[in-house]
Amino acid sequence: MAGSMRFEDFSFGFLQIDGVAYDYDVVIDRGELRKRKKKASKPFRDDFGHTPLSVEENIPWKCRRLVIGTGAHGALPVMKEVEREADRRGVELVTLPTHEAIGLLSQRPRKTNAILHVTC
């Protein structure tokens, strides 16, 4: 996972990893970092008042544990289908406010991927 990644700073709308600042949600997939592309989840926005995390997104399932950072205030909705898909795949799903998720990821857990929401 993020074995060599250094999580240096987080505040509402801002995340710094290895000296690089991000002002958007990120996905960590087997040590690689990319921007979260949430367009596939936008059709569900009206149901949640916010674009949720849905199974329609490119979720990094190739792991034993998936950590979802739900934002500065823990407000990112995670759809039930995501929980069901994690169960189906045998992936432990850990959903925490982003600052707590970063704390967990800083411990460098093995076979762990992540989705980190940087706002709400």
C-alpha atoms as a PDB file:
ATOM      1  CA  MET A   1       0.000   0.000   0.000  1.00  0.00           C
ATOM      2  CA  ALA A   2       1.283   3.359   1.028  1.00  0.00           C
ATOM      3  CA  GLY A   3       4.397   1.839   2.564  1.00  0.00           C
ATOM      4  CA  SER A   4       6.671   4.631   1.442  1.00  0.00           C
ATOM      5  CA  MET A   5       4.095   7.461   1.389  1.00  0.00           C
ATOM      6  CA  ARG A   6       4.466  10.250   3.934  1.00  0.00           C
ATOM      7  CA  PHE A   7       1.186  11.876   4.910  1.00  0.00           C
ATOM      8  CA  GLU A   8       2.368  15.320   5.901  1.00  0.00           C
ATOM      9  CA  ASP A   9      -0.676  17.552   6.270  1.00  0.00           C
ATOM     10  CA  PHE A  10      -4.448  17.555   6.012  1.00  0.00           C
ATOM     11  CA  SER A  11      -7.047  20.256   6.417  1.00  0.00           C
ATOM     12  CA  PHE A  12     -10.375  20.972   4.747  1.00  0.00           C
ATOM     13  CA  GLY A  13      -9.757  20.865   0.977  1.00  0.00           C
ATOM     14  CA  PHE A  14      -6.033  20.141   1.291  1.00  0.00           C
ATOM     15  CA  LEU A  15      -3.928  17.005   1.576  1.00  0.00           C
ATOM     16  CA  GLN A  16      -0.141  16.771   1.364  1.00  0.00           C
ATOM     17  CA  ILE A  17       1.598  13.493   0.605  1.00  0.00           C
ATOM     18  CA  ASP A  18       5.347  13.232  -0.024  1.00  0.00           C
ATOM     19  CA  GLY A  19       5.632  17.002  -0.430  1.00  0.00           C
ATOM     20  CA  VAL A  20       2.880  17.182  -3.063  1.00  0.00           C
ATOM     21  CA  ALA A  21      -0.295  19.139  -2.286  1.00  0.00           C
ATOM     22  CA  TYR A  22      -3.672  17.855  -3.444  1.00  0.00           C
ATOM     23  CA  ASP A  23      -6.901  19.861  -3.423  1.00  0.00           C
ATOM     24  CA  TYR A  24      -8.988  16.977  -4.708  1.00  0.00           C
ATOM     25  CA  ASP A  25      -9.933  13.478  -3.567  1.00  0.00           C
ATOM     26  CA  VAL A  26      -7.270  10.838  -4.091  1.00  0.00           C
ATOM     27  CA  VAL A  27      -7.202   7.081  -4.573  1.00  0.00           C
ATOM     28  CA  ILE A  28      -4.278   4.993  -3.375  1.00  0.00           C
ATOM     29  CA  ASP A  29      -4.113   1.732  -5.290  1.00  0.00           C
ATOM     30  CA  ARG A  30      -1.244  -0.627  -4.457  1.00  0.00           C
ATOM     31  CA  GLY A  31       1.126   2.247  -3.758  1.00  0.00           C
ATOM     32  CA  GLU A  32       0.083   4.372  -6.723  1.00  0.00           C
ATOM     33  CA  LEU A  33      -1.792   7.624  -6.205  1.00  0.00           C
ATOM     34  CA  ARG A  34      -4.400   9.027  -8.600  1.00  0.00           C
ATOM     35  CA  LYS A  35      -7.252  11.483  -8.635  1.00  0.00           C
ATOM     36  CA  ARG A  36     -10.657  10.131  -7.633  1.00  0.00           C
ATOM     37  CA  LYS A  37     -12.950  10.318 -10.628  1.00  0.00           C
ATOM     38  CA  LYS A  38     -16.414  10.662  -9.130  1.00  0.00           C
ATOM     39  CA  LYS A  39     -18.374  11.416 -12.307  1.00  0.00           C
ATOM     40  CA  ALA A  40     -19.923   7.926 -12.266  1.00  0.00           C
ATOM     41  CA  SER A  41     -21.381   8.654  -8.804  1.00  0.00           C
ATOM     42  CA  LYS A  42     -22.862  12.053  -9.682  1.00  0.00           C
ATOM     43  CA  PRO A  43     -26.278  10.622 -10.696  1.00  0.00           C
ATOM     44  CA  PHE A  44     -26.756   9.688  -7.006  1.00  0.00           C
ATOM     45  CA  ARG A  45     -26.000  13.206  -5.744  1.00  0.00           C
ATOM     46  CA  ASP A  46     -29.634  14.272  -5.326  1.00  0.00           C
ATOM     47  CA  ASP A  47     -30.353  11.225  -3.159  1.00  0.00           C
ATOM     48  CA  PHE A  48     -27.563  12.121  -0.723  1.00  0.00           C
ATOM     49  CA  GLY A  49     -27.172  15.910  -0.970  1.00  0.00           C
ATOM     50  CA  HIS A  50     -23.537  15.245  -1.896  1.00  0.00           C
ATOM     51  CA  THR A  51     -21.828  13.023  -4.470  1.00  0.00           C
ATOM     52  CA  PRO A  52     -21.465   9.685  -2.653  1.00  0.00           C
ATOM     53  CA  LEU A  53     -18.943   6.917  -3.160  1.00  0.00           C
ATOM     54  CA  SER A  54     -20.689   4.332  -5.348  1.00  0.00           C
ATOM     55  CA  VAL A  55     -19.707   1.032  -6.930  1.00  0.00           C
ATOM     56  CA  GLU A  56     -19.919   2.806 -10.286  1.00  0.00           C
ATOM     57  CA  GLU A  57     -16.507   4.385  -9.564  1.00  0.00           C
ATOM     58  CA  ASN A  58     -13.120   2.785 -10.175  1.00  0.00           C
ATOM     59  CA  ILE A  59     -12.671   1.491  -6.622  1.00  0.00           C
ATOM     60  CA  PRO A  60      -9.259  -0.092  -5.875  1.00  0.00           C
ATOM     61  CA  TRP A  61     -10.552  -3.536  -4.848  1.00  0.00           C
ATOM     62  CA  LYS A  62      -7.236  -5.415  -5.203  1.00  0.00           C
ATOM     63  CA  CYS A  63      -6.471  -5.379  -1.482  1.00  0.00           C
ATOM     64  CA  ARG A  64      -7.414  -6.992   1.804  1.00  0.00           C
ATOM     65  CA  ARG A  65      -8.467  -3.700   3.398  1.00  0.00           C
ATOM     66  CA  LEU A  66      -9.976  -0.600   1.821  1.00  0.00           C
ATOM     67  CA  VAL A  67      -9.802   2.563   3.905  1.00  0.00           C
ATOM     68  CA  ILE A  68     -12.258   5.294   3.001  1.00  0.00           C
ATOM     69  CA  GLY A  69     -11.509   8.744   4.381  1.00  0.00           C
ATOM     70  CA  THR A  70     -14.914  10.423   4.527  1.00  0.00           C
ATOM     71  CA  GLY A  71     -13.696  14.024   4.678  1.00  0.00           C
ATOM     72  CA  ALA A  72     -12.832  16.647   7.267  1.00  0.00           C
ATOM     73  CA  HIS A  73     -16.223  16.288   8.934  1.00  0.00           C
ATOM     74  CA  GLY A  74     -16.849  12.658   7.972  1.00  0.00           C
ATOM     75  CA  ALA A  75     -19.715  13.607   5.652  1.00  0.00           C
ATOM     76  CA  LEU A  76     -18.885  11.648   2.455  1.00  0.00           C
ATOM     77  CA  PRO A  77     -21.766   9.197   1.951  1.00  0.00           C
ATOM     78  CA  VAL A  78     -20.718   5.628   1.174  1.00  0.00           C
ATOM     79  CA  MET A  79     -23.469   3.740  -0.601  1.00  0.00           C
ATOM     80  CA  LYS A  80     -24.626   0.390   0.815  1.00  0.00           C
ATOM     81  CA  GLU A  81     -23.681  -1.240  -2.495  1.00  0.00           C
ATOM     82  CA  VAL A  82     -20.033  -0.425  -1.739  1.00  0.00           C
ATOM     83  CA  GLU A  83     -20.330  -2.233   1.593  1.00  0.00           C
ATOM     84  CA  ARG A  84     -22.003  -5.233  -0.073  1.00  0.00           C
ATOM     85  CA  GLU A  85     -19.340  -5.375  -2.809  1.00  0.00           C
ATOM     86  CA  ALA A  86     -16.571  -5.280  -0.181  1.00  0.00           C
ATOM     87  CA  ASP A  87     -18.222  -8.200   1.614  1.00  0.00           C
ATOM     88  CA  ARG A  88     -18.622 -10.106  -1.644  1.00  0.00           C
ATOM     89  CA  ARG A  89     -14.925  -9.628  -2.443  1.00  0.00           C
ATOM     90  CA  GLY A  90     -13.718 -10.407   1.087  1.00  0.00           C
ATOM     91  CA  VAL A  91     -12.296  -6.904   1.515  1.00  0.00           C
ATOM     92  CA  GLU A  92     -12.391  -5.313   4.964  1.00  0.00           C
ATOM     93  CA  LEU A  93     -13.989  -1.877   4.586  1.00  0.00           C
ATOM     94  CA  VAL A  94     -12.841   0.779   7.055  1.00  0.00           C
ATOM     95  CA  THR A  95     -14.722   4.076   6.894  1.00  0.00           C
ATOM     96  CA  LEU A  96     -13.324   6.973   8.973  1.00  0.00           C
ATOM     97  CA  PRO A  97     -13.054  10.763   8.811  1.00  0.00           C
ATOM     98  CA  THR A  98     -10.044  11.534   6.620  1.00  0.00           C
ATOM     99  CA  HIS A  99      -7.739  12.683   9.440  1.00  0.00           C
ATOM    100  CA  GLU A 100      -8.316   9.334  11.211  1.00  0.00           C
ATOM    101  CA  ALA A 101      -7.893   7.417   7.948  1.00  0.00           C
ATOM    102  CA  ILE A 102      -4.545   9.149   7.415  1.00  0.00           C
ATOM    103  CA  GLY A 103      -3.498   8.135  10.925  1.00  0.00           C
ATOM    104  CA  LEU A 104      -4.288   4.515  10.089  1.00  0.00           C
ATOM    105  CA  LEU A 105      -2.509   4.700   6.723  1.00  0.00           C
ATOM    106  CA  SER A 106       0.546   6.266   8.385  1.00  0.00           C
ATOM    107  CA  GLN A 107       1.003   2.958  10.216  1.00  0.00           C
ATOM    108  CA  ARG A 108       1.725   1.461   6.783  1.00  0.00           C
ATOM    109  CA  PRO A 109      -0.726  -1.419   6.841  1.00  0.00           C
ATOM    110  CA  ARG A 110      -0.040  -4.142   4.290  1.00  0.00           C
ATOM    111  CA  LYS A 111      -2.408  -4.909   1.412  1.00  0.00           C
ATOM    112  CA  THR A 112      -4.398  -1.741   2.085  1.00  0.00           C
ATOM    113  CA  ASN A 113      -5.788   0.653  -0.510  1.00  0.00           C
ATOM    114  CA  ALA A 114      -7.579   3.921   0.174  1.00  0.00           C
ATOM    115  CA  ILE A 115      -9.931   6.595  -1.070  1.00  0.00           C
ATOM    116  CA  LEU A 116      -9.449   9.936   0.676  1.00  0.00           C
ATOM    117  CA  HIS A 117     -12.071  12.682   0.486  1.00  0.00           C
ATOM    118  CA  VAL A 118     -10.569  16.105   1.195  1.00  0.00           C
ATOM    119  CA  THR A 119     -13.620  18.307   1.798  1.00  0.00           C
ATOM    120  CA  CYS A 120     -16.800  17.932   3.892  1.00  0.00           C
END
